[in-house]
Amino acid sequence: MLLKKKSLHAWDLQDLIEEQFGFTPGKITPYRVLYRLENDGFVKSEQKERRRMYEITAKGEKELKKAKLYYKGLIEFF
């Protein structure tokens, strides 16, 4: 969801999670999650200067929409 707004470095993502959701993920957690998301084609990365920047792919946006509908359905169910 956070990558939909702009491309981010994993370290920036960690700060945004803390800011927006009120918890601090482990130091390597963002890197591990981004690696798996990239392996599955939901995000892509590009080396820019000395940082690897991540952005959501079309496949990732489609999956994000499906997840939103799923959770919306759960909320309406309860």
PDB file of N, CA and C in Angstrom:
ATOM      1  N   MET A   1       0.825  -1.178   0.000  1.00  0.00           N
ATOM      2  CA  MET A   1       0.000   0.000   0.000  1.00  0.00           C
ATOM      3  C   MET A   1       0.880   1.256   0.000  1.00  0.00           C
ATOM      4  N   LEU A   2       1.935   1.234   0.810  1.00  0.00           N
ATOM      5  CA  LEU A   2       2.802   2.404   0.890  1.00  0.00           C
ATOM      6  C   LEU A   2       3.576   2.637  -0.407  1.00  0.00           C
ATOM      7  N   LEU A   3       3.875   1.568  -1.116  1.00  0.00           N
ATOM      8  CA  LEU A   3       4.602   1.710  -2.382  1.00  0.00           C
ATOM      9  C   LEU A   3       3.720   2.244  -3.495  1.00  0.00           C
ATOM     10  N   LYS A   4       2.424   2.246  -3.308  1.00  0.00           N
ATOM     11  CA  LYS A   4       1.527   2.756  -4.339  1.00  0.00           C
ATOM     12  C   LYS A   4       1.678   4.275  -4.481  1.00  0.00           C
ATOM     13  N   LYS A   5       2.041   4.948  -3.396  1.00  0.00           N
ATOM     14  CA  LYS A   5       2.192   6.402  -3.407  1.00  0.00           C
ATOM     15  C   LYS A   5       3.467   6.847  -4.105  1.00  0.00           C
ATOM     16  N   LYS A   6       4.576   6.131  -3.852  1.00  0.00           N
ATOM     17  CA  LYS A   6       5.856   6.468  -4.482  1.00  0.00           C
ATOM     18  C   LYS A   6       6.841   5.332  -4.255  1.00  0.00           C
ATOM     19  N   SER A   7       7.911   5.310  -5.035  1.00  0.00           N
ATOM     20  CA  SER A   7       8.929   4.280  -4.834  1.00  0.00           C
ATOM     21  C   SER A   7       9.711   4.615  -3.565  1.00  0.00           C
ATOM     22  N   LEU A   8      10.116   3.555  -2.862  1.00  0.00           N
ATOM     23  CA  LEU A   8      10.759   3.732  -1.566  1.00  0.00           C
ATOM     24  C   LEU A   8      11.934   2.784  -1.389  1.00  0.00           C
ATOM     25  N   HIS A   9      12.849   3.177  -0.547  1.00  0.00           N
ATOM     26  CA  HIS A   9      13.928   2.318  -0.084  1.00  0.00           C
ATOM     27  C   HIS A   9      13.416   1.575   1.148  1.00  0.00           C
ATOM     28  N   ALA A  10      13.915   0.395   1.410  1.00  0.00           N
ATOM     29  CA  ALA A  10      13.431  -0.409   2.537  1.00  0.00           C
ATOM     30  C   ALA A  10      13.548   0.348   3.863  1.00  0.00           C
ATOM     31  N   TRP A  11      14.605   1.118   4.025  1.00  0.00           N
ATOM     32  CA  TRP A  11      14.774   1.873   5.270  1.00  0.00           C
ATOM     33  C   TRP A  11      13.675   2.927   5.415  1.00  0.00           C
ATOM     34  N   ASP A  12      13.319   3.595   4.304  1.00  0.00           N
ATOM     35  CA  ASP A  12      12.226   4.576   4.321  1.00  0.00           C
ATOM     36  C   ASP A  12      10.910   3.889   4.665  1.00  0.00           C
ATOM     37  N   LEU A  13      10.725   2.703   4.151  1.00  0.00           N
ATOM     38  CA  LEU A  13       9.507   1.943   4.398  1.00  0.00           C
ATOM     39  C   LEU A  13       9.360   1.636   5.887  1.00  0.00           C
ATOM     40  N   GLN A  14      10.454   1.288   6.527  1.00  0.00           N
ATOM     41  CA  GLN A  14      10.436   1.003   7.957  1.00  0.00           C
ATOM     42  C   GLN A  14       9.971   2.238   8.739  1.00  0.00           C
ATOM     43  N   ASP A  15      10.481   3.401   8.386  1.00  0.00           N
ATOM     44  CA  ASP A  15      10.084   4.643   9.061  1.00  0.00           C
ATOM     45  C   ASP A  15       8.608   4.957   8.835  1.00  0.00           C
ATOM     46  N   LEU A  16       8.128   4.753   7.613  1.00  0.00           N
ATOM     47  CA  LEU A  16       6.717   5.024   7.304  1.00  0.00           C
ATOM     48  C   LEU A  16       5.782   4.082   8.055  1.00  0.00           C
ATOM     49  N   ILE A  17       6.171   2.837   8.189  1.00  0.00           N
ATOM     50  CA  ILE A  17       5.353   1.877   8.941  1.00  0.00           C
ATOM     51  C   ILE A  17       5.224   2.340  10.381  1.00  0.00           C
ATOM     52  N   GLU A  18       6.336   2.758  10.946  1.00  0.00           N
ATOM     53  CA  GLU A  18       6.310   3.245  12.330  1.00  0.00           C
ATOM     54  C   GLU A  18       5.424   4.490  12.451  1.00  0.00           C
ATOM     55  N   GLU A  19       5.567   5.401  11.515  1.00  0.00           N
ATOM     56  CA  GLU A  19       4.810   6.655  11.509  1.00  0.00           C
ATOM     57  C   GLU A  19       3.304   6.428  11.336  1.00  0.00           C
ATOM     58  N   GLN A  20       2.935   5.608  10.361  1.00  0.00           N
ATOM     59  CA  GLN A  20       1.525   5.467   9.994  1.00  0.00           C
ATOM     60  C   GLN A  20       0.777   4.377  10.765  1.00  0.00           C
ATOM     61  N   PHE A  21       1.496   3.364  11.243  1.00  0.00           N
ATOM     62  CA  PHE A  21       0.812   2.245  11.881  1.00  0.00           C
ATOM     63  C   PHE A  21       1.184   2.057  13.349  1.00  0.00           C
ATOM     64  N   GLY A  22       2.146   2.844  13.834  1.00  0.00           N
ATOM     65  CA  GLY A  22       2.450   2.860  15.251  1.00  0.00           C
ATOM     66  C   GLY A  22       3.262   1.706  15.791  1.00  0.00           C
ATOM     67  N   PHE A  23       3.978   0.985  14.940  1.00  0.00           N
ATOM     68  CA  PHE A  23       4.887  -0.053  15.441  1.00  0.00           C
ATOM     69  C   PHE A  23       6.147  -0.063  14.594  1.00  0.00           C
ATOM     70  N   THR A  24       7.209  -0.552  15.161  1.00  0.00           N
ATOM     71  CA  THR A  24       8.490  -0.599  14.464  1.00  0.00           C
ATOM     72  C   THR A  24       8.785  -2.034  14.054  1.00  0.00           C
ATOM     73  N   PRO A  25       8.858  -2.290  12.750  1.00  0.00           N
ATOM     74  CA  PRO A  25       9.216  -3.645  12.318  1.00  0.00           C
ATOM     75  C   PRO A  25      10.691  -3.914  12.622  1.00  0.00           C
ATOM     76  N   GLY A  26      11.055  -5.170  12.645  1.00  0.00           N
ATOM     77  CA  GLY A  26      12.455  -5.535  12.851  1.00  0.00           C
ATOM     78  C   GLY A  26      13.343  -4.911  11.789  1.00  0.00           C
ATOM     79  N   LYS A  27      14.614  -4.816  12.071  1.00  0.00           N
ATOM     80  CA  LYS A  27      15.564  -4.149  11.160  1.00  0.00           C
ATOM     81  C   LYS A  27      15.601  -4.774   9.765  1.00  0.00           C
ATOM     82  N   ILE A  28      15.525  -6.099   9.682  1.00  0.00           N
ATOM     83  CA  ILE A  28      15.612  -6.730   8.358  1.00  0.00           C
ATOM     84  C   ILE A  28      14.250  -7.104   7.784  1.00  0.00           C
ATOM     85  N   THR A  29      13.192  -6.941   8.547  1.00  0.00           N
ATOM     86  CA  THR A  29      11.858  -7.342   8.088  1.00  0.00           C
ATOM     87  C   THR A  29      11.467  -6.694   6.769  1.00  0.00           C
ATOM     88  N   PRO A  30      11.611  -5.363   6.604  1.00  0.00           N
ATOM     89  CA  PRO A  30      11.227  -4.774   5.313  1.00  0.00           C
ATOM     90  C   PRO A  30      11.999  -5.373   4.138  1.00  0.00           C
ATOM     91  N   TYR A  31      13.280  -5.654   4.342  1.00  0.00           N
ATOM     92  CA  TYR A  31      14.086  -6.231   3.270  1.00  0.00           C
ATOM     93  C   TYR A  31      13.589  -7.631   2.900  1.00  0.00           C
ATOM     94  N   ARG A  32      13.283  -8.433   3.897  1.00  0.00           N
ATOM     95  CA  ARG A  32      12.798  -9.795   3.641  1.00  0.00           C
ATOM     96  C   ARG A  32      11.449  -9.781   2.926  1.00  0.00           C
ATOM     97  N   VAL A  33      10.552  -8.912   3.379  1.00  0.00           N
ATOM     98  CA  VAL A  33       9.227  -8.823   2.759  1.00  0.00           C
ATOM     99  C   VAL A  33       9.358  -8.328   1.321  1.00  0.00           C
ATOM    100  N   LEU A  34      10.147  -7.288   1.102  1.00  0.00           N
ATOM    101  CA  LEU A  34      10.321  -6.756  -0.255  1.00  0.00           C
ATOM    102  C   LEU A  34      10.955  -7.788  -1.181  1.00  0.00           C
ATOM    103  N   TYR A  35      11.904  -8.555  -0.672  1.00  0.00           N
ATOM    104  CA  TYR A  35      12.532  -9.608  -1.469  1.00  0.00           C
ATOM    105  C   TYR A  35      11.488 -10.621  -1.934  1.00  0.00           C
ATOM    106  N   ARG A  36      10.630 -11.039  -1.020  1.00  0.00           N
ATOM    107  CA  ARG A  36       9.585 -12.012  -1.386  1.00  0.00           C
ATOM    108  C   ARG A  36       8.568 -11.410  -2.343  1.00  0.00           C
ATOM    109  N   LEU A  37       8.173 -10.168  -2.095  1.00  0.00           N
ATOM    110  CA  LEU A  37       7.221  -9.512  -2.998  1.00  0.00           C
ATOM    111  C   LEU A  37       7.810  -9.369  -4.397  1.00  0.00           C
ATOM    112  N   GLU A  38       9.099  -9.071  -4.459  1.00  0.00           N
ATOM    113  CA  GLU A  38       9.745  -8.951  -5.770  1.00  0.00           C
ATOM    114  C   GLU A  38       9.837 -10.313  -6.448  1.00  0.00           C
ATOM    115  N   ASN A  39      10.169 -11.341  -5.703  1.00  0.00           N
ATOM    116  CA  ASN A  39      10.231 -12.698  -6.256  1.00  0.00           C
ATOM    117  C   ASN A  39       8.891 -13.116  -6.853  1.00  0.00           C
ATOM    118  N   ASP A  40       7.795 -12.690  -6.228  1.00  0.00           N
ATOM    119  CA  ASP A  40       6.453 -13.041  -6.694  1.00  0.00           C
ATOM    120  C   ASP A  40       5.914 -12.065  -7.744  1.00  0.00           C
ATOM    121  N   GLY A  41       6.680 -11.017  -8.065  1.00  0.00           N
ATOM    122  CA  GLY A  41       6.276 -10.092  -9.121  1.00  0.00           C
ATOM    123  C   GLY A  41       5.350  -8.973  -8.667  1.00  0.00           C
ATOM    124  N   PHE A  42       5.181  -8.796  -7.367  1.00  0.00           N
ATOM    125  CA  PHE A  42       4.286  -7.748  -6.864  1.00  0.00           C
ATOM    126  C   PHE A  42       4.967  -6.388  -6.763  1.00  0.00           C
ATOM    127  N   VAL A  43       6.281  -6.387  -6.628  1.00  0.00           N
ATOM    128  CA  VAL A  43       7.063  -5.154  -6.643  1.00  0.00           C
ATOM    129  C   VAL A  43       8.274  -5.373  -7.539  1.00  0.00           C
ATOM    130  N   LYS A  44       8.870  -4.277  -7.973  1.00  0.00           N
ATOM    131  CA  LYS A  44      10.120  -4.366  -8.716  1.00  0.00           C
ATOM    132  C   LYS A  44      11.088  -3.361  -8.095  1.00  0.00           C
ATOM    133  N   SER A  45      12.371  -3.601  -8.317  1.00  0.00           N
ATOM    134  CA  SER A  45      13.363  -2.714  -7.726  1.00  0.00           C
ATOM    135  C   SER A  45      14.339  -2.239  -8.787  1.00  0.00           C
ATOM    136  N   GLU A  46      14.971  -1.139  -8.458  1.00  0.00           N
ATOM    137  CA  GLU A  46      15.970  -0.562  -9.348  1.00  0.00           C
ATOM    138  C   GLU A  46      17.031   0.092  -8.478  1.00  0.00           C
ATOM    139  N   GLN A  47      18.285  -0.133  -8.841  1.00  0.00           N
ATOM    140  CA  GLN A  47      19.384   0.479  -8.110  1.00  0.00           C
ATOM    141  C   GLN A  47      19.507   1.928  -8.551  1.00  0.00           C
ATOM    142  N   LYS A  48      19.386   2.863  -7.624  1.00  0.00           N
ATOM    143  CA  LYS A  48      19.544   4.290  -7.908  1.00  0.00           C
ATOM    144  C   LYS A  48      20.597   4.820  -6.962  1.00  0.00           C
ATOM    145  N   GLU A  49      21.712   5.230  -7.551  1.00  0.00           N
ATOM    146  CA  GLU A  49      22.883   5.625  -6.771  1.00  0.00           C
ATOM    147  C   GLU A  49      23.278   4.467  -5.878  1.00  0.00           C
ATOM    148  N   ARG A  50      23.255   4.631  -4.571  1.00  0.00           N
ATOM    149  CA  ARG A  50      23.677   3.546  -3.686  1.00  0.00           C
ATOM    150  C   ARG A  50      22.506   2.870  -2.993  1.00  0.00           C
ATOM    151  N   ARG A  51      21.304   3.131  -3.458  1.00  0.00           N
ATOM    152  CA  ARG A  51      20.107   2.578  -2.805  1.00  0.00           C
ATOM    153  C   ARG A  51      19.280   1.765  -3.792  1.00  0.00           C
ATOM    154  N   ARG A  52      18.670   0.717  -3.304  1.00  0.00           N
ATOM    155  CA  ARG A  52      17.731  -0.071  -4.106  1.00  0.00           C
ATOM    156  C   ARG A  52      16.341   0.454  -3.797  1.00  0.00           C
ATOM    157  N   MET A  53      15.681   0.986  -4.831  1.00  0.00           N
ATOM    158  CA  MET A  53      14.355   1.576  -4.685  1.00  0.00           C
ATOM    159  C   MET A  53      13.311   0.580  -5.184  1.00  0.00           C
ATOM    160  N   TYR A  54      12.203   0.497  -4.457  1.00  0.00           N
ATOM    161  CA  TYR A  54      11.138  -0.454  -4.771  1.00  0.00           C
ATOM    162  C   TYR A  54       9.877   0.287  -5.178  1.00  0.00           C
ATOM    163  N   GLU A  55       9.162  -0.293  -6.131  1.00  0.00           N
ATOM    164  CA  GLU A  55       7.863   0.247  -6.518  1.00  0.00           C
ATOM    165  C   GLU A  55       6.917  -0.893  -6.850  1.00  0.00           C
ATOM    166  N   ILE A  56       5.641  -0.620  -6.721  1.00  0.00           N
ATOM    167  CA  ILE A  56       4.616  -1.637  -6.955  1.00  0.00           C
ATOM    168  C   ILE A  56       4.467  -1.878  -8.465  1.00  0.00           C
ATOM    169  N   THR A  57       4.176  -3.112  -8.833  1.00  0.00           N
ATOM    170  CA  THR A  57       3.941  -3.456 -10.240  1.00  0.00           C
ATOM    171  C   THR A  57       2.432  -3.505 -10.497  1.00  0.00           C
ATOM    172  N   ALA A  58       2.056  -3.675 -11.743  1.00  0.00           N
ATOM    173  CA  ALA A  58       0.633  -3.818 -12.087  1.00  0.00           C
ATOM    174  C   ALA A  58       0.052  -5.052 -11.396  1.00  0.00           C
ATOM    175  N   LYS A  59       0.831  -6.129 -11.345  1.00  0.00           N
ATOM    176  CA  LYS A  59       0.388  -7.339 -10.651  1.00  0.00           C
ATOM    177  C   LYS A  59       0.181  -7.051  -9.162  1.00  0.00           C
ATOM    178  N   GLY A  60       1.066  -6.263  -8.570  1.00  0.00           N
ATOM    179  CA  GLY A  60       0.949  -5.891  -7.167  1.00  0.00           C
ATOM    180  C   GLY A  60      -0.274  -5.033  -6.902  1.00  0.00           C
ATOM    181  N   GLU A  61      -0.559  -4.093  -7.818  1.00  0.00           N
ATOM    182  CA  GLU A  61      -1.750  -3.248  -7.662  1.00  0.00           C
ATOM    183  C   GLU A  61      -3.026  -4.074  -7.757  1.00  0.00           C
ATOM    184  N   LYS A  62      -3.033  -5.038  -8.663  1.00  0.00           N
ATOM    185  CA  LYS A  62      -4.198  -5.921  -8.807  1.00  0.00           C
ATOM    186  C   LYS A  62      -4.413  -6.724  -7.524  1.00  0.00           C
ATOM    187  N   GLU A  63      -3.335  -7.242  -6.962  1.00  0.00           N
ATOM    188  CA  GLU A  63      -3.419  -8.033  -5.734  1.00  0.00           C
ATOM    189  C   GLU A  63      -3.846  -7.161  -4.552  1.00  0.00           C
ATOM    190  N   LEU A  64      -3.390  -5.923  -4.525  1.00  0.00           N
ATOM    191  CA  LEU A  64      -3.774  -4.991  -3.472  1.00  0.00           C
ATOM    192  C   LEU A  64      -5.274  -4.716  -3.524  1.00  0.00           C
ATOM    193  N   LYS A  65      -5.816  -4.547  -4.722  1.00  0.00           N
ATOM    194  CA  LYS A  65      -7.268  -4.340  -4.877  1.00  0.00           C
ATOM    195  C   LYS A  65      -8.044  -5.560  -4.379  1.00  0.00           C
ATOM    196  N   LYS A  66      -7.556  -6.763  -4.721  1.00  0.00           N
ATOM    197  CA  LYS A  66      -8.211  -7.985  -4.255  1.00  0.00           C
ATOM    198  C   LYS A  66      -8.195  -8.064  -2.726  1.00  0.00           C
ATOM    199  N   ALA A  67      -7.070  -7.708  -2.125  1.00  0.00           N
ATOM    200  CA  ALA A  67      -6.951  -7.754  -0.665  1.00  0.00           C
ATOM    201  C   ALA A  67      -7.902  -6.757  -0.008  1.00  0.00           C
ATOM    202  N   LYS A  68      -8.009  -5.568  -0.575  1.00  0.00           N
ATOM    203  CA  LYS A  68      -8.927  -4.560  -0.025  1.00  0.00           C
ATOM    204  C   LYS A  68     -10.364  -5.056  -0.073  1.00  0.00           C
ATOM    205  N   LEU A  69     -10.755  -5.658  -1.185  1.00  0.00           N
ATOM    206  CA  LEU A  69     -12.111  -6.197  -1.302  1.00  0.00           C
ATOM    207  C   LEU A  69     -12.347  -7.322  -0.304  1.00  0.00           C
ATOM    208  N   TYR A  70     -11.347  -8.159  -0.113  1.00  0.00           N
ATOM    209  CA  TYR A  70     -11.450  -9.258   0.833  1.00  0.00           C
ATOM    210  C   TYR A  70     -11.669  -8.728   2.249  1.00  0.00           C
ATOM    211  N   TYR A  71     -10.838  -7.781   2.660  1.00  0.00           N
ATOM    212  CA  TYR A  71     -10.960  -7.250   4.025  1.00  0.00           C
ATOM    213  C   TYR A  71     -12.224  -6.417   4.203  1.00  0.00           C
ATOM    214  N   LYS A  72     -12.639  -5.742   3.160  1.00  0.00           N
ATOM    215  CA  LYS A  72     -13.903  -4.999   3.225  1.00  0.00           C
ATOM    216  C   LYS A  72     -15.059  -5.988   3.440  1.00  0.00           C
ATOM    217  N   GLY A  73     -15.023  -7.100   2.741  1.00  0.00           N
ATOM    218  CA  GLY A  73     -16.034  -8.135   2.914  1.00  0.00           C
ATOM    219  C   GLY A  73     -16.032  -8.710   4.314  1.00  0.00           C
ATOM    220  N   LEU A  74     -14.862  -8.899   4.903  1.00  0.00           N
ATOM    221  CA  LEU A  74     -14.792  -9.391   6.276  1.00  0.00           C
ATOM    222  C   LEU A  74     -15.404  -8.396   7.252  1.00  0.00           C
ATOM    223  N   ILE A  75     -15.112  -7.145   7.063  1.00  0.00           N
ATOM    224  CA  ILE A  75     -15.639  -6.109   7.954  1.00  0.00           C
ATOM    225  C   ILE A  75     -17.160  -6.045   7.842  1.00  0.00           C
ATOM    226  N   GLU A  76     -17.672  -6.134   6.629  1.00  0.00           N
ATOM    227  CA  GLU A  76     -19.123  -6.085   6.430  1.00  0.00           C
ATOM    228  C   GLU A  76     -19.789  -7.331   7.011  1.00  0.00           C
ATOM    229  N   PHE A  77     -19.084  -8.446   7.003  1.00  0.00           N
ATOM    230  CA  PHE A  77     -19.627  -9.690   7.533  1.00  0.00           C
ATOM    231  C   PHE A  77     -19.837  -9.600   9.048  1.00  0.00           C
ATOM    232  N   PHE A  78     -18.896  -8.953   9.724  1.00  0.00           N
ATOM    233  CA  PHE A  78     -18.986  -8.837  11.169  1.00  0.00           C
ATOM    234  C   PHE A  78     -19.674  -7.547  11.515  1.00  0.00           C
TER     235      PHE A  78
END
